[in-house]
Amino acid sequence: MNKTDLSNELAKRLSVSRCQARHFIDAFREVLGDCLLQDDSILIQDFGRFDLWIQNERNGRNPKTGTPAIIRARNSIKFKPSPRLLKKLNRKE
């Protein structure tokens, strides 16, 4: 599912326009990014937890040439789903 598919599904379920659903997705992404930079984590009950993860600088390799390279330090996100979400995903039908 891509952003367009997600916004279409949200629009249908929430009875709003696709444009409003896209604005919601964009706003959620912005709030998530801002909060992670300030607080390091976000917990959404029954959905999961987003944590800021700082990747250290490390040695790597250029996949095309095989030449060793340094991969710079960067921020990333880890997501841990809630037990309720995991239960739904692993339900046997």
PDB file of N, CA and C in Angstrom:
ATOM      1  N   MET A   1       0.856  -1.175   0.000  1.00  0.00           N
ATOM      2  CA  MET A   1       0.000   0.000   0.000  1.00  0.00           C
ATOM      3  C   MET A   1       0.896   1.230   0.000  1.00  0.00           C
ATOM      4  N   ASN A   2       0.608   2.149  -0.884  1.00  0.00           N
ATOM      5  CA  ASN A   2       1.370   3.398  -0.926  1.00  0.00           C
ATOM      6  C   ASN A   2       0.524   4.525  -0.323  1.00  0.00           C
ATOM      7  N   LYS A   3       1.069   5.747  -0.358  1.00  0.00           N
ATOM      8  CA  LYS A   3       0.389   6.882   0.269  1.00  0.00           C
ATOM      9  C   LYS A   3      -0.979   7.143  -0.360  1.00  0.00           C
ATOM     10  N   THR A   4      -1.085   7.014  -1.681  1.00  0.00           N
ATOM     11  CA  THR A   4      -2.361   7.240  -2.361  1.00  0.00           C
ATOM     12  C   THR A   4      -3.396   6.209  -1.921  1.00  0.00           C
ATOM     13  N   ASP A   5      -2.989   4.941  -1.873  1.00  0.00           N
ATOM     14  CA  ASP A   5      -3.906   3.885  -1.426  1.00  0.00           C
ATOM     15  C   ASP A   5      -4.345   4.124   0.015  1.00  0.00           C
ATOM     16  N   LEU A   6      -3.389   4.503   0.866  1.00  0.00           N
ATOM     17  CA  LEU A   6      -3.713   4.763   2.269  1.00  0.00           C
ATOM     18  C   LEU A   6      -4.676   5.930   2.404  1.00  0.00           C
ATOM     19  N   SER A   7      -4.426   7.009   1.676  1.00  0.00           N
ATOM     20  CA  SER A   7      -5.318   8.163   1.778  1.00  0.00           C
ATOM     21  C   SER A   7      -6.708   7.827   1.239  1.00  0.00           C
ATOM     22  N   ASN A   8      -6.795   7.027   0.184  1.00  0.00           N
ATOM     23  CA  ASN A   8      -8.104   6.605  -0.325  1.00  0.00           C
ATOM     24  C   ASN A   8      -8.856   5.769   0.703  1.00  0.00           C
ATOM     25  N   GLU A   9      -8.164   4.855   1.361  1.00  0.00           N
ATOM     26  CA  GLU A   9      -8.805   4.000   2.371  1.00  0.00           C
ATOM     27  C   GLU A   9      -9.232   4.821   3.586  1.00  0.00           C
ATOM     28  N   LEU A  10      -8.388   5.732   4.029  1.00  0.00           N
ATOM     29  CA  LEU A  10      -8.757   6.601   5.151  1.00  0.00           C
ATOM     30  C   LEU A  10      -9.956   7.474   4.796  1.00  0.00           C
ATOM     31  N   ALA A  11      -9.954   8.022   3.595  1.00  0.00           N
ATOM     32  CA  ALA A  11     -11.067   8.873   3.157  1.00  0.00           C
ATOM     33  C   ALA A  11     -12.373   8.088   3.189  1.00  0.00           C
ATOM     34  N   LYS A  12     -12.324   6.863   2.722  1.00  0.00           N
ATOM     35  CA  LYS A  12     -13.533   6.026   2.697  1.00  0.00           C
ATOM     36  C   LYS A  12     -14.016   5.708   4.112  1.00  0.00           C
ATOM     37  N   ARG A  13     -13.088   5.299   4.980  1.00  0.00           N
ATOM     38  CA  ARG A  13     -13.477   4.894   6.344  1.00  0.00           C
ATOM     39  C   ARG A  13     -13.896   6.065   7.223  1.00  0.00           C
ATOM     40  N   LEU A  14     -13.316   7.243   6.976  1.00  0.00           N
ATOM     41  CA  LEU A  14     -13.628   8.415   7.801  1.00  0.00           C
ATOM     42  C   LEU A  14     -14.676   9.328   7.172  1.00  0.00           C
ATOM     43  N   SER A  15     -15.116   8.985   5.972  1.00  0.00           N
ATOM     44  CA  SER A  15     -16.095   9.800   5.241  1.00  0.00           C
ATOM     45  C   SER A  15     -15.612  11.238   5.070  1.00  0.00           C
ATOM     46  N   VAL A  16     -14.371  11.359   4.623  1.00  0.00           N
ATOM     47  CA  VAL A  16     -13.791  12.663   4.321  1.00  0.00           C
ATOM     48  C   VAL A  16     -13.249  12.606   2.892  1.00  0.00           C
ATOM     49  N   SER A  17     -12.835  13.747   2.379  1.00  0.00           N
ATOM     50  CA  SER A  17     -12.285  13.770   1.022  1.00  0.00           C
ATOM     51  C   SER A  17     -10.880  13.159   1.015  1.00  0.00           C
ATOM     52  N   ARG A  18     -10.448  12.737  -0.168  1.00  0.00           N
ATOM     53  CA  ARG A  18      -9.092  12.191  -0.296  1.00  0.00           C
ATOM     54  C   ARG A  18      -8.052  13.260   0.030  1.00  0.00           C
ATOM     55  N   CYS A  19      -8.355  14.502  -0.317  1.00  0.00           N
ATOM     56  CA  CYS A  19      -7.450  15.614  -0.018  1.00  0.00           C
ATOM     57  C   CYS A  19      -7.288  15.778   1.500  1.00  0.00           C
ATOM     58  N   GLN A  20      -8.384  15.695   2.235  1.00  0.00           N
ATOM     59  CA  GLN A  20      -8.320  15.805   3.699  1.00  0.00           C
ATOM     60  C   GLN A  20      -7.534  14.637   4.286  1.00  0.00           C
ATOM     61  N   ALA A  21      -7.726  13.452   3.731  1.00  0.00           N
ATOM     62  CA  ALA A  21      -6.992  12.282   4.211  1.00  0.00           C
ATOM     63  C   ALA A  21      -5.497  12.447   3.956  1.00  0.00           C
ATOM     64  N   ARG A  22      -5.115  12.984   2.788  1.00  0.00           N
ATOM     65  CA  ARG A  22      -3.696  13.235   2.490  1.00  0.00           C
ATOM     66  C   ARG A  22      -3.119  14.279   3.454  1.00  0.00           C
ATOM     67  N   HIS A  23      -3.903  15.310   3.761  1.00  0.00           N
ATOM     68  CA  HIS A  23      -3.452  16.319   4.724  1.00  0.00           C
ATOM     69  C   HIS A  23      -3.242  15.696   6.099  1.00  0.00           C
ATOM     70  N   PHE A  24      -4.117  14.766   6.488  1.00  0.00           N
ATOM     71  CA  PHE A  24      -3.964  14.074   7.766  1.00  0.00           C
ATOM     72  C   PHE A  24      -2.661  13.281   7.786  1.00  0.00           C
ATOM     73  N   ILE A  25      -2.384  12.543   6.728  1.00  0.00           N
ATOM     74  CA  ILE A  25      -1.161  11.741   6.659  1.00  0.00           C
ATOM     75  C   ILE A  25       0.075  12.636   6.728  1.00  0.00           C
ATOM     76  N   ASP A  26       0.052  13.732   5.982  1.00  0.00           N
ATOM     77  CA  ASP A  26       1.187  14.665   5.995  1.00  0.00           C
ATOM     78  C   ASP A  26       1.374  15.293   7.376  1.00  0.00           C
ATOM     79  N   ALA A  27       0.278  15.680   8.010  1.00  0.00           N
ATOM     80  CA  ALA A  27       0.351  16.283   9.344  1.00  0.00           C
ATOM     81  C   ALA A  27       0.867  15.266  10.358  1.00  0.00           C
ATOM     82  N   PHE A  28       0.408  14.019  10.253  1.00  0.00           N
ATOM     83  CA  PHE A  28       0.868  12.965  11.165  1.00  0.00           C
ATOM     84  C   PHE A  28       2.375  12.764  11.022  1.00  0.00           C
ATOM     85  N   ARG A  29       2.876  12.734   9.784  1.00  0.00           N
ATOM     86  CA  ARG A  29       4.311  12.568   9.536  1.00  0.00           C
ATOM     87  C   ARG A  29       5.100  13.719  10.147  1.00  0.00           C
ATOM     88  N   GLU A  30       4.603  14.950   9.982  1.00  0.00           N
ATOM     89  CA  GLU A  30       5.284  16.121  10.536  1.00  0.00           C
ATOM     90  C   GLU A  30       5.309  16.085  12.062  1.00  0.00           C
ATOM     91  N   VAL A  31       4.167  15.787  12.675  1.00  0.00           N
ATOM     92  CA  VAL A  31       4.087  15.729  14.136  1.00  0.00           C
ATOM     93  C   VAL A  31       4.989  14.622  14.668  1.00  0.00           C
ATOM     94  N   LEU A  32       4.967  13.475  14.016  1.00  0.00           N
ATOM     95  CA  LEU A  32       5.807  12.355  14.427  1.00  0.00           C
ATOM     96  C   LEU A  32       7.287  12.751  14.397  1.00  0.00           C
ATOM     97  N   GLY A  33       7.720  13.358  13.306  1.00  0.00           N
ATOM     98  CA  GLY A  33       9.115  13.771  13.190  1.00  0.00           C
ATOM     99  C   GLY A  33       9.504  14.806  14.228  1.00  0.00           C
ATOM    100  N   ASP A  34       8.651  15.810  14.421  1.00  0.00           N
ATOM    101  CA  ASP A  34       8.946  16.856  15.410  1.00  0.00           C
ATOM    102  C   ASP A  34       9.018  16.284  16.817  1.00  0.00           C
ATOM    103  N   CYS A  35       8.063  15.431  17.159  1.00  0.00           N
ATOM    104  CA  CYS A  35       8.035  14.849  18.510  1.00  0.00           C
ATOM    105  C   CYS A  35       9.228  13.938  18.753  1.00  0.00           C
ATOM    106  N   LEU A  36       9.611  13.154  17.746  1.00  0.00           N
ATOM    107  CA  LEU A  36      10.767  12.271  17.923  1.00  0.00           C
ATOM    108  C   LEU A  36      12.043  13.071  18.153  1.00  0.00           C
ATOM    109  N   LEU A  37      12.188  14.188  17.458  1.00  0.00           N
ATOM    110  CA  LEU A  37      13.379  15.015  17.662  1.00  0.00           C
ATOM    111  C   LEU A  37      13.396  15.646  19.051  1.00  0.00           C
ATOM    112  N   GLN A  38      12.240  15.927  19.637  1.00  0.00           N
ATOM    113  CA  GLN A  38      12.164  16.552  20.956  1.00  0.00           C
ATOM    114  C   GLN A  38      12.179  15.526  22.084  1.00  0.00           C
ATOM    115  N   ASP A  39      11.394  14.459  21.951  1.00  0.00           N
ATOM    116  CA  ASP A  39      11.159  13.544  23.076  1.00  0.00           C
ATOM    117  C   ASP A  39      11.826  12.185  22.944  1.00  0.00           C
ATOM    118  N   ASP A  40      12.315  11.827  21.795  1.00  0.00           N
ATOM    119  CA  ASP A  40      12.948  10.537  21.517  1.00  0.00           C
ATOM    120  C   ASP A  40      11.977   9.365  21.357  1.00  0.00           C
ATOM    121  N   SER A  41      10.711   9.471  21.785  1.00  0.00           N
ATOM    122  CA  SER A  41       9.788   8.353  21.583  1.00  0.00           C
ATOM    123  C   SER A  41       8.338   8.817  21.602  1.00  0.00           C
ATOM    124  N   ILE A  42       7.487   8.036  20.926  1.00  0.00           N
ATOM    125  CA  ILE A  42       6.054   8.300  20.878  1.00  0.00           C
ATOM    126  C   ILE A  42       5.340   6.975  21.092  1.00  0.00           C
ATOM    127  N   LEU A  43       4.411   6.951  22.025  1.00  0.00           N
ATOM    128  CA  LEU A  43       3.633   5.751  22.301  1.00  0.00           C
ATOM    129  C   LEU A  43       2.184   6.009  21.923  1.00  0.00           C
ATOM    130  N   ILE A  44       1.640   5.174  21.042  1.00  0.00           N
ATOM    131  CA  ILE A  44       0.237   5.244  20.651  1.00  0.00           C
ATOM    132  C   ILE A  44      -0.412   3.949  21.136  1.00  0.00           C
ATOM    133  N   GLN A  45      -1.273   4.070  22.144  1.00  0.00           N
ATOM    134  CA  GLN A  45      -1.921   2.901  22.735  1.00  0.00           C
ATOM    135  C   GLN A  45      -2.555   2.026  21.665  1.00  0.00           C
ATOM    136  N   ASP A  46      -2.417   0.719  21.819  1.00  0.00           N
ATOM    137  CA  ASP A  46      -2.984  -0.301  20.932  1.00  0.00           C
ATOM    138  C   ASP A  46      -2.453  -0.229  19.507  1.00  0.00           C
ATOM    139  N   PHE A  47      -1.412   0.558  19.264  1.00  0.00           N
ATOM    140  CA  PHE A  47      -0.795   0.621  17.941  1.00  0.00           C
ATOM    141  C   PHE A  47       0.688   0.280  18.039  1.00  0.00           C
ATOM    142  N   GLY A  48       1.447   1.070  18.812  1.00  0.00           N
ATOM    143  CA  GLY A  48       2.860   0.782  18.968  1.00  0.00           C
ATOM    144  C   GLY A  48       3.649   1.969  19.446  1.00  0.00           C
ATOM    145  N   ARG A  49       4.956   1.782  19.457  1.00  0.00           N
ATOM    146  CA  ARG A  49       5.868   2.802  19.960  1.00  0.00           C
ATOM    147  C   ARG A  49       6.909   3.118  18.901  1.00  0.00           C
ATOM    148  N   PHE A  50       7.126   4.405  18.661  1.00  0.00           N
ATOM    149  CA  PHE A  50       8.162   4.893  17.756  1.00  0.00           C
ATOM    150  C   PHE A  50       9.302   5.433  18.612  1.00  0.00           C
ATOM    151  N   ASP A  51      10.509   4.980  18.348  1.00  0.00           N
ATOM    152  CA  ASP A  51      11.681   5.448  19.091  1.00  0.00           C
ATOM    153  C   ASP A  51      12.720   6.005  18.132  1.00  0.00           C
ATOM    154  N   LEU A  52      13.351   7.105  18.539  1.00  0.00           N
ATOM    155  CA  LEU A  52      14.458   7.655  17.783  1.00  0.00           C
ATOM    156  C   LEU A  52      15.665   6.753  18.004  1.00  0.00           C
ATOM    157  N   TRP A  53      16.330   6.386  16.930  1.00  0.00           N
ATOM    158  CA  TRP A  53      17.486   5.515  17.004  1.00  0.00           C
ATOM    159  C   TRP A  53      18.635   6.212  16.293  1.00  0.00           C
ATOM    160  N   ILE A  54      19.704   6.471  17.020  1.00  0.00           N
ATOM    161  CA  ILE A  54      20.860   7.152  16.447  1.00  0.00           C
ATOM    162  C   ILE A  54      21.859   6.087  16.003  1.00  0.00           C
ATOM    163  N   GLN A  55      22.029   5.972  14.687  1.00  0.00           N
ATOM    164  CA  GLN A  55      22.982   5.010  14.135  1.00  0.00           C
ATOM    165  C   GLN A  55      24.367   5.632  14.161  1.00  0.00           C
ATOM    166  N   ASN A  56      25.335   4.918  14.679  1.00  0.00           N
ATOM    167  CA  ASN A  56      26.706   5.401  14.754  1.00  0.00           C
ATOM    168  C   ASN A  56      27.382   5.322  13.387  1.00  0.00           C
ATOM    169  N   GLU A  57      28.421   6.105  13.230  1.00  0.00           N
ATOM    170  CA  GLU A  57      29.231   6.015  12.022  1.00  0.00           C
ATOM    171  C   GLU A  57      29.857   4.622  11.979  1.00  0.00           C
ATOM    172  N   ARG A  58      29.924   4.042  10.768  1.00  0.00           N
ATOM    173  CA  ARG A  58      30.467   2.692  10.668  1.00  0.00           C
ATOM    174  C   ARG A  58      31.117   2.478   9.304  1.00  0.00           C
ATOM    175  N   ASN A  59      31.898   1.435   9.230  1.00  0.00           N
ATOM    176  CA  ASN A  59      32.533   1.072   7.964  1.00  0.00           C
ATOM    177  C   ASN A  59      31.522   0.324   7.108  1.00  0.00           C
ATOM    178  N   GLY A  60      31.552   0.604   5.819  1.00  0.00           N
ATOM    179  CA  GLY A  60      30.682  -0.079   4.879  1.00  0.00           C
ATOM    180  C   GLY A  60      31.416  -0.313   3.586  1.00  0.00           C
ATOM    181  N   ARG A  61      30.669  -0.645   2.558  1.00  0.00           N
ATOM    182  CA  ARG A  61      31.261  -0.943   1.270  1.00  0.00           C
ATOM    183  C   ARG A  61      30.315  -0.469   0.179  1.00  0.00           C
ATOM    184  N   ASN A  62      30.850   0.148  -0.862  1.00  0.00           N
ATOM    185  CA  ASN A  62      30.050   0.545  -2.014  1.00  0.00           C
ATOM    186  C   ASN A  62      29.605  -0.742  -2.721  1.00  0.00           C
ATOM    187  N   PRO A  63      28.284  -0.984  -2.824  1.00  0.00           N
ATOM    188  CA  PRO A  63      27.827  -2.245  -3.414  1.00  0.00           C
ATOM    189  C   PRO A  63      28.163  -2.401  -4.898  1.00  0.00           C
ATOM    190  N   LYS A  64      28.322  -1.292  -5.615  1.00  0.00           N
ATOM    191  CA  LYS A  64      28.638  -1.369  -7.048  1.00  0.00           C
ATOM    192  C   LYS A  64      30.111  -1.700  -7.297  1.00  0.00           C
ATOM    193  N   THR A  65      30.986  -1.036  -6.517  1.00  0.00           N
ATOM    194  CA  THR A  65      32.424  -1.172  -6.787  1.00  0.00           C
ATOM    195  C   THR A  65      33.147  -2.044  -5.772  1.00  0.00           C
ATOM    196  N   GLY A  66      32.537  -2.246  -4.598  1.00  0.00           N
ATOM    197  CA  GLY A  66      33.203  -3.012  -3.555  1.00  0.00           C
ATOM    198  C   GLY A  66      34.222  -2.202  -2.775  1.00  0.00           C
ATOM    199  N   THR A  67      34.338  -0.915  -3.075  1.00  0.00           N
ATOM    200  CA  THR A  67      35.288  -0.037  -2.399  1.00  0.00           C
ATOM    201  C   THR A  67      34.829   0.246  -0.971  1.00  0.00           C
ATOM    202  N   PRO A  68      35.713   0.114   0.016  1.00  0.00           N
ATOM    203  CA  PRO A  68      35.336   0.454   1.394  1.00  0.00           C
ATOM    204  C   PRO A  68      34.933   1.931   1.503  1.00  0.00           C
ATOM    205  N   ALA A  69      33.949   2.198   2.352  1.00  0.00           N
ATOM    206  CA  ALA A  69      33.462   3.565   2.541  1.00  0.00           C
ATOM    207  C   ALA A  69      32.990   3.724   3.975  1.00  0.00           C
ATOM    208  N   ILE A  70      32.987   4.959   4.431  1.00  0.00           N
ATOM    209  CA  ILE A  70      32.467   5.281   5.763  1.00  0.00           C
ATOM    210  C   ILE A  70      30.998   5.675   5.611  1.00  0.00           C
ATOM    211  N   ILE A  71      30.144   5.045   6.400  1.00  0.00           N
ATOM    212  CA  ILE A  71      28.720   5.411   6.436  1.00  0.00           C
ATOM    213  C   ILE A  71      28.555   6.355   7.612  1.00  0.00           C
ATOM    214  N   ARG A  72      28.146   7.584   7.323  1.00  0.00           N
ATOM    215  CA  ARG A  72      28.032   8.616   8.360  1.00  0.00           C
ATOM    216  C   ARG A  72      26.938   8.286   9.379  1.00  0.00           C
ATOM    217  N   ALA A  73      27.078   8.835  10.572  1.00  0.00           N
ATOM    218  CA  ALA A  73      26.065   8.687  11.618  1.00  0.00           C
ATOM    219  C   ALA A  73      24.777   9.363  11.153  1.00  0.00           C
ATOM    220  N   ARG A  74      23.635   8.811  11.556  1.00  0.00           N
ATOM    221  CA  ARG A  74      22.354   9.404  11.171  1.00  0.00           C
ATOM    222  C   ARG A  74      21.275   8.986  12.156  1.00  0.00           C
ATOM    223  N   ASN A  75      20.180   9.738  12.128  1.00  0.00           N
ATOM    224  CA  ASN A  75      19.021   9.401  12.940  1.00  0.00           C
ATOM    225  C   ASN A  75      18.117   8.470  12.149  1.00  0.00           C
ATOM    226  N   SER A  76      17.475   7.551  12.850  1.00  0.00           N
ATOM    227  CA  SER A  76      16.533   6.642  12.239  1.00  0.00           C
ATOM    228  C   SER A  76      15.402   6.396  13.237  1.00  0.00           C
ATOM    229  N   ILE A  77      14.416   5.592  12.844  1.00  0.00           N
ATOM    230  CA  ILE A  77      13.270   5.303  13.711  1.00  0.00           C
ATOM    231  C   ILE A  77      13.123   3.802  13.850  1.00  0.00           C
ATOM    232  N   LYS A  78      12.852   3.372  15.067  1.00  0.00           N
ATOM    233  CA  LYS A  78      12.480   1.981  15.322  1.00  0.00           C
ATOM    234  C   LYS A  78      11.014   1.981  15.724  1.00  0.00           C
ATOM    235  N   PHE A  79      10.276   0.986  15.251  1.00  0.00           N
ATOM    236  CA  PHE A  79       8.868   0.846  15.603  1.00  0.00           C
ATOM    237  C   PHE A  79       8.666  -0.499  16.277  1.00  0.00           C
ATOM    238  N   LYS A  80       8.012  -0.482  17.437  1.00  0.00           N
ATOM    239  CA  LYS A  80       7.676  -1.714  18.145  1.00  0.00           C
ATOM    240  C   LYS A  80       6.160  -1.782  18.235  1.00  0.00           C
ATOM    241  N   PRO A  81       5.537  -2.754  17.549  1.00  0.00           N
ATOM    242  CA  PRO A  81       4.076  -2.843  17.580  1.00  0.00           C
ATOM    243  C   PRO A  81       3.566  -3.243  18.956  1.00  0.00           C
ATOM    244  N   SER A  82       2.341  -2.820  19.268  1.00  0.00           N
ATOM    245  CA  SER A  82       1.726  -3.160  20.544  1.00  0.00           C
ATOM    246  C   SER A  82       1.297  -4.632  20.525  1.00  0.00           C
ATOM    247  N   PRO A  83       1.133  -5.236  21.703  1.00  0.00           N
ATOM    248  CA  PRO A  83       0.651  -6.617  21.750  1.00  0.00           C
ATOM    249  C   PRO A  83      -0.700  -6.782  21.053  1.00  0.00           C
ATOM    250  N   ARG A  84      -1.574  -5.788  21.159  1.00  0.00           N
ATOM    251  CA  ARG A  84      -2.890  -5.880  20.531  1.00  0.00           C
ATOM    252  C   ARG A  84      -2.776  -5.907  18.998  1.00  0.00           C
ATOM    253  N   LEU A  85      -1.884  -5.070  18.442  1.00  0.00           N
ATOM    254  CA  LEU A  85      -1.665  -5.068  16.996  1.00  0.00           C
ATOM    255  C   LEU A  85      -1.050  -6.390  16.549  1.00  0.00           C
ATOM    256  N   LEU A  86      -0.089  -6.901  17.305  1.00  0.00           N
ATOM    257  CA  LEU A  86       0.518  -8.192  16.971  1.00  0.00           C
ATOM    258  C   LEU A  86      -0.509  -9.311  17.014  1.00  0.00           C
ATOM    259  N   LYS A  87      -1.398  -9.265  18.001  1.00  0.00           N
ATOM    260  CA  LYS A  87      -2.437 -10.292  18.114  1.00  0.00           C
ATOM    261  C   LYS A  87      -3.332 -10.272  16.869  1.00  0.00           C
ATOM    262  N   LYS A  88      -3.701  -9.074  16.410  1.00  0.00           N
ATOM    263  CA  LYS A  88      -4.535  -8.953  15.220  1.00  0.00           C
ATOM    264  C   LYS A  88      -3.810  -9.493  13.983  1.00  0.00           C
ATOM    265  N   LEU A  89      -2.521  -9.186  13.869  1.00  0.00           N
ATOM    266  CA  LEU A  89      -1.749  -9.635  12.709  1.00  0.00           C
ATOM    267  C   LEU A  89      -1.528 -11.143  12.693  1.00  0.00           C
ATOM    268  N   ASN A  90      -1.545 -11.759  13.861  1.00  0.00           N
ATOM    269  CA  ASN A  90      -1.274 -13.198  13.944  1.00  0.00           C
ATOM    270  C   ASN A  90      -2.517 -14.042  14.219  1.00  0.00           C
ATOM    271  N   ARG A  91      -3.692 -13.437  14.084  1.00  0.00           N
ATOM    272  CA  ARG A  91      -4.939 -14.150  14.302  1.00  0.00           C
ATOM    273  C   ARG A  91      -5.107 -15.206  13.205  1.00  0.00           C
ATOM    274  N   LYS A  92      -5.468 -16.397  13.603  1.00  0.00           N
ATOM    275  CA  LYS A  92      -5.713 -17.476  12.633  1.00  0.00           C
ATOM    276  C   LYS A  92      -7.171 -17.498  12.301  1.00  0.00           C
ATOM    277  N   GLU A  93      -7.472 -17.497  11.032  1.00  0.00           N
ATOM    278  CA  GLU A  93      -8.875 -17.455  10.588  1.00  0.00           C
ATOM    279  C   GLU A  93      -9.298 -18.807  10.081  1.00  0.00           C
TER     280      GLU A  93
END
